[in-house]
């Protein structure tokens, strides 16, 4: 039992820190730069992204194991996974519009972009490719979601301070955000090789 828990913990840590999709694989940068300007939107997107990632990982695993493999149509997995994610994101969109309209309007177009975000699709594709079981798929989804949330919160905290900092004119706005992301990514490469997926 402890061996299984250790493996799951290793999977979560590896997905969130060592193989962070944003800082080590450079995926999901459109949403990352779009919503990391303010901490409020970064936290809101982190929670939404985490929920979508975990639930879509579970749904994709179930469909893959009980429909695509038995019917021998695994070549359709990308299309099916996009459909699953899009359906769930649409549900999250409606729920957020009712529960938190202010945050819904702040996230704006980025909420719709979750449906085709490469990180959201990378999780079920990795789960299928690695042959993870349901619990491992959930752990990988959790770790990936936590890693994306961590990236957003780190970047939002830095970008809020950069707004009041004296930055040379050519570097103001997105250029300094790119430089900062590169420096953070460089720091995250220090984790590489500790655990590999």
Foldseek 3Di string as FASTA:
>chain_A
DVVVVVVLVLLLCCQQFQPACCLAVNFPVVLLQLQLQALVLLLVVLVVQLVLLLVLLLVLQCCCVPPCVVVVNCVCSLVVSLVSSQVVLVVVLVVCCVPPVPSSVSSPPVSNVSSVGPLSSVLNVVCVVVVPDNSSSSSNSNSNSNNSSVSSNVLSVVNNVVVPDDDPPVCPDPNVSVVVSNVVSVVSNVSHPVDDD
